[in-house]
Amino acid sequence: MRTRIRNIILVLSICLIIVLYGFIVISDSLPKFIKDRSAFKISYNISPFDFRMDISEYSFYINNKVADNIKNNSTKLLNNVENKVYDSTSGIINRTSEVFKSVEEKINGALQNKVR
């Protein structure tokens, strides 16, 4: 029963992909004067990968620079998080060591007073 449902989902997914691909190819192959009048435009290239979809005032695009941008921004984000964690933990460690030093000084002072 589960394999039947999986097969149906697989067939429907493949049909949807074929329809979307056909829609993209047809929209991209329209002449420029038709695209200029339309509020919905699709263009794509395979060689330097570039996919653009313009819907009136909004634009959606994916190109080969997207992966580089994600990588660079992720690296910046991780570095910022690392610096903030380091700064906050080093502050906690410094305050803790100061507390231990003051406790140690008080203990030493109390012990010296008892020895005398």
C-alpha atoms as a PDB file:
ATOM      1  CA  MET A   1       0.000   0.000   0.000  1.00  0.00           C
ATOM      2  CA  ARG A   2       2.782   2.433   0.894  1.00  0.00           C
ATOM      3  CA  THR A   3       4.717   1.653  -2.280  1.00  0.00           C
ATOM      4  CA  ARG A   4       1.584   2.402  -4.314  1.00  0.00           C
ATOM      5  CA  ILE A   5       1.233   5.834  -2.680  1.00  0.00           C
ATOM      6  CA  ARG A   6       4.946   6.506  -3.192  1.00  0.00           C
ATOM      7  CA  ASN A   7       4.653   5.558  -6.857  1.00  0.00           C
ATOM      8  CA  ILE A   8       1.658   7.877  -7.317  1.00  0.00           C
ATOM      9  CA  ILE A   9       3.542  10.735  -5.648  1.00  0.00           C
ATOM     10  CA  LEU A  10       6.606  10.023  -7.811  1.00  0.00           C
ATOM     11  CA  VAL A  11       4.556  10.053 -11.035  1.00  0.00           C
ATOM     12  CA  LEU A  12       2.750  13.264 -10.046  1.00  0.00           C
ATOM     13  CA  SER A  13       6.073  14.905  -9.132  1.00  0.00           C
ATOM     14  CA  ILE A  14       7.606  13.956 -12.483  1.00  0.00           C
ATOM     15  CA  CYS A  15       4.522  15.305 -14.330  1.00  0.00           C
ATOM     16  CA  LEU A  16       4.701  18.568 -12.372  1.00  0.00           C
ATOM     17  CA  ILE A  17       8.415  18.937 -13.152  1.00  0.00           C
ATOM     18  CA  ILE A  18       7.772  18.342 -16.860  1.00  0.00           C
ATOM     19  CA  VAL A  19       4.957  20.931 -16.920  1.00  0.00           C
ATOM     20  CA  LEU A  20       7.082  23.508 -15.049  1.00  0.00           C
ATOM     21  CA  TYR A  21      10.066  22.886 -17.333  1.00  0.00           C
ATOM     22  CA  GLY A  22       7.843  23.296 -20.408  1.00  0.00           C
ATOM     23  CA  PHE A  23       6.389  26.517 -19.008  1.00  0.00           C
ATOM     24  CA  ILE A  24       9.885  27.883 -18.356  1.00  0.00           C
ATOM     25  CA  VAL A  25      11.174  26.933 -21.820  1.00  0.00           C
ATOM     26  CA  ILE A  26       8.154  28.441 -23.576  1.00  0.00           C
ATOM     27  CA  SER A  27       8.269  31.631 -21.498  1.00  0.00           C
ATOM     28  CA  ASP A  28      11.983  32.019 -22.164  1.00  0.00           C
ATOM     29  CA  SER A  29      11.624  31.494 -25.907  1.00  0.00           C
ATOM     30  CA  LEU A  30       9.015  34.257 -26.340  1.00  0.00           C
ATOM     31  CA  PRO A  31      10.175  37.194 -28.475  1.00  0.00           C
ATOM     32  CA  LYS A  32      11.563  40.248 -26.695  1.00  0.00           C
ATOM     33  CA  PHE A  33       8.710  42.570 -27.709  1.00  0.00           C
ATOM     34  CA  ILE A  34       6.189  40.207 -26.050  1.00  0.00           C
ATOM     35  CA  LYS A  35       8.314  39.917 -22.894  1.00  0.00           C
ATOM     36  CA  ASP A  36       8.613  43.708 -22.675  1.00  0.00           C
ATOM     37  CA  ARG A  37       4.805  44.090 -22.594  1.00  0.00           C
ATOM     38  CA  SER A  38       4.278  41.268 -20.108  1.00  0.00           C
ATOM     39  CA  ALA A  39       4.281  41.652 -16.325  1.00  0.00           C
ATOM     40  CA  PHE A  40       5.582  38.079 -15.960  1.00  0.00           C
ATOM     41  CA  LYS A  41       8.964  37.262 -17.514  1.00  0.00           C
ATOM     42  CA  ILE A  42      11.214  34.228 -17.249  1.00  0.00           C
ATOM     43  CA  SER A  43      14.724  33.924 -18.631  1.00  0.00           C
ATOM     44  CA  TYR A  44      17.422  31.361 -18.043  1.00  0.00           C
ATOM     45  CA  ASN A  45      20.826  30.224 -19.260  1.00  0.00           C
ATOM     46  CA  ILE A  46      22.460  26.899 -18.589  1.00  0.00           C
ATOM     47  CA  SER A  47      26.124  27.592 -19.400  1.00  0.00           C
ATOM     48  CA  PRO A  48      26.756  30.274 -16.812  1.00  0.00           C
ATOM     49  CA  PHE A  49      23.738  29.246 -14.753  1.00  0.00           C
ATOM     50  CA  ASP A  50      21.274  32.099 -14.505  1.00  0.00           C
ATOM     51  CA  PHE A  51      17.541  31.840 -13.802  1.00  0.00           C
ATOM     52  CA  ARG A  52      15.460  35.007 -13.521  1.00  0.00           C
ATOM     53  CA  MET A  53      11.760  35.467 -12.934  1.00  0.00           C
ATOM     54  CA  ASP A  54      10.289  38.964 -13.021  1.00  0.00           C
ATOM     55  CA  ILE A  55       6.763  39.525 -11.778  1.00  0.00           C
ATOM     56  CA  SER A  56       5.834  43.191 -12.274  1.00  0.00           C
ATOM     57  CA  GLU A  57       7.789  44.944  -9.477  1.00  0.00           C
ATOM     58  CA  TYR A  58       9.418  41.848  -7.966  1.00  0.00           C
ATOM     59  CA  SER A  59      12.335  39.837  -9.222  1.00  0.00           C
ATOM     60  CA  PHE A  60      13.592  36.390  -8.253  1.00  0.00           C
ATOM     61  CA  TYR A  61      16.905  35.123  -9.527  1.00  0.00           C
ATOM     62  CA  ILE A  62      19.299  32.287  -8.952  1.00  0.00           C
ATOM     63  CA  ASN A  63      22.744  32.251 -10.497  1.00  0.00           C
ATOM     64  CA  ASN A  64      26.172  30.749  -9.924  1.00  0.00           C
ATOM     65  CA  LYS A  65      27.052  33.506  -7.423  1.00  0.00           C
ATOM     66  CA  VAL A  66      24.293  32.458  -5.006  1.00  0.00           C
ATOM     67  CA  ALA A  67      26.365  29.600  -3.571  1.00  0.00           C
ATOM     68  CA  ASP A  68      29.331  31.944  -3.057  1.00  0.00           C
ATOM     69  CA  ASN A  69      27.120  34.530  -1.331  1.00  0.00           C
ATOM     70  CA  ILE A  70      25.624  31.902   0.968  1.00  0.00           C
ATOM     71  CA  LYS A  71      29.094  30.615   1.813  1.00  0.00           C
ATOM     72  CA  ASN A  72      30.495  34.092   2.547  1.00  0.00           C
ATOM     73  CA  ASN A  73      27.503  35.200   4.612  1.00  0.00           C
ATOM     74  CA  SER A  74      27.467  31.927   6.565  1.00  0.00           C
ATOM     75  CA  THR A  75      31.168  32.355   7.346  1.00  0.00           C
ATOM     76  CA  LYS A  76      30.568  35.924   8.546  1.00  0.00           C
ATOM     77  CA  LEU A  77      27.633  34.808  10.681  1.00  0.00           C
ATOM     78  CA  LEU A  78      29.610  31.972  12.276  1.00  0.00           C
ATOM     79  CA  ASN A  79      32.539  34.299  12.993  1.00  0.00           C
ATOM     80  CA  ASN A  80      30.222  36.849  14.630  1.00  0.00           C
ATOM     81  CA  VAL A  81      28.577  34.169  16.761  1.00  0.00           C
ATOM     82  CA  GLU A  82      31.978  32.763  17.714  1.00  0.00           C
ATOM     83  CA  ASN A  83      33.262  36.210  18.717  1.00  0.00           C
ATOM     84  CA  LYS A  84      30.156  36.958  20.801  1.00  0.00           C
ATOM     85  CA  VAL A  85      30.336  33.591  22.551  1.00  0.00           C
ATOM     86  CA  TYR A  86      34.058  34.051  23.212  1.00  0.00           C
ATOM     87  CA  ASP A  87      33.542  37.584  24.530  1.00  0.00           C
ATOM     88  CA  SER A  88      30.718  36.592  26.861  1.00  0.00           C
ATOM     89  CA  THR A  89      32.475  33.465  28.161  1.00  0.00           C
ATOM     90  CA  SER A  90      35.767  35.288  28.657  1.00  0.00           C
ATOM     91  CA  GLY A  91      33.910  37.957  30.650  1.00  0.00           C
ATOM     92  CA  ILE A  92      32.309  35.269  32.816  1.00  0.00           C
ATOM     93  CA  ILE A  93      35.666  33.548  33.316  1.00  0.00           C
ATOM     94  CA  ASN A  94      37.343  36.840  34.274  1.00  0.00           C
ATOM     95  CA  ARG A  95      34.625  37.681  36.794  1.00  0.00           C
ATOM     96  CA  THR A  96      34.753  34.175  38.241  1.00  0.00           C
ATOM     97  CA  SER A  97      38.529  34.298  38.627  1.00  0.00           C
ATOM     98  CA  GLU A  98      38.242  37.697  40.350  1.00  0.00           C
ATOM     99  CA  VAL A  99      35.685  36.251  42.779  1.00  0.00           C
ATOM    100  CA  PHE A 100      37.963  33.279  43.513  1.00  0.00           C
ATOM    101  CA  LYS A 101      40.932  35.614  44.050  1.00  0.00           C
ATOM    102  CA  SER A 102      38.972  37.756  46.510  1.00  0.00           C
ATOM    103  CA  VAL A 103      37.729  34.631  48.326  1.00  0.00           C
ATOM    104  CA  GLU A 104      41.286  33.290  48.433  1.00  0.00           C
ATOM    105  CA  GLU A 105      42.556  36.605  49.846  1.00  0.00           C
ATOM    106  CA  LYS A 106      39.838  36.596  52.510  1.00  0.00           C
ATOM    107  CA  ILE A 107      40.642  33.008  53.462  1.00  0.00           C
ATOM    108  CA  ASN A 108      44.367  33.769  53.621  1.00  0.00           C
ATOM    109  CA  GLY A 109      43.658  36.844  55.733  1.00  0.00           C
ATOM    110  CA  ALA A 110      41.442  34.873  58.105  1.00  0.00           C
ATOM    111  CA  LEU A 111      44.020  32.091  58.412  1.00  0.00           C
ATOM    112  CA  GLN A 112      46.824  34.559  59.112  1.00  0.00           C
ATOM    113  CA  ASN A 113      44.721  36.231  61.804  1.00  0.00           C
ATOM    114  CA  LYS A 114      44.062  32.870  63.500  1.00  0.00           C
ATOM    115  CA  VAL A 115      47.727  31.856  63.363  1.00  0.00           C
ATOM    116  CA  ARG A 116      48.812  35.035  65.140  1.00  0.00           C
END
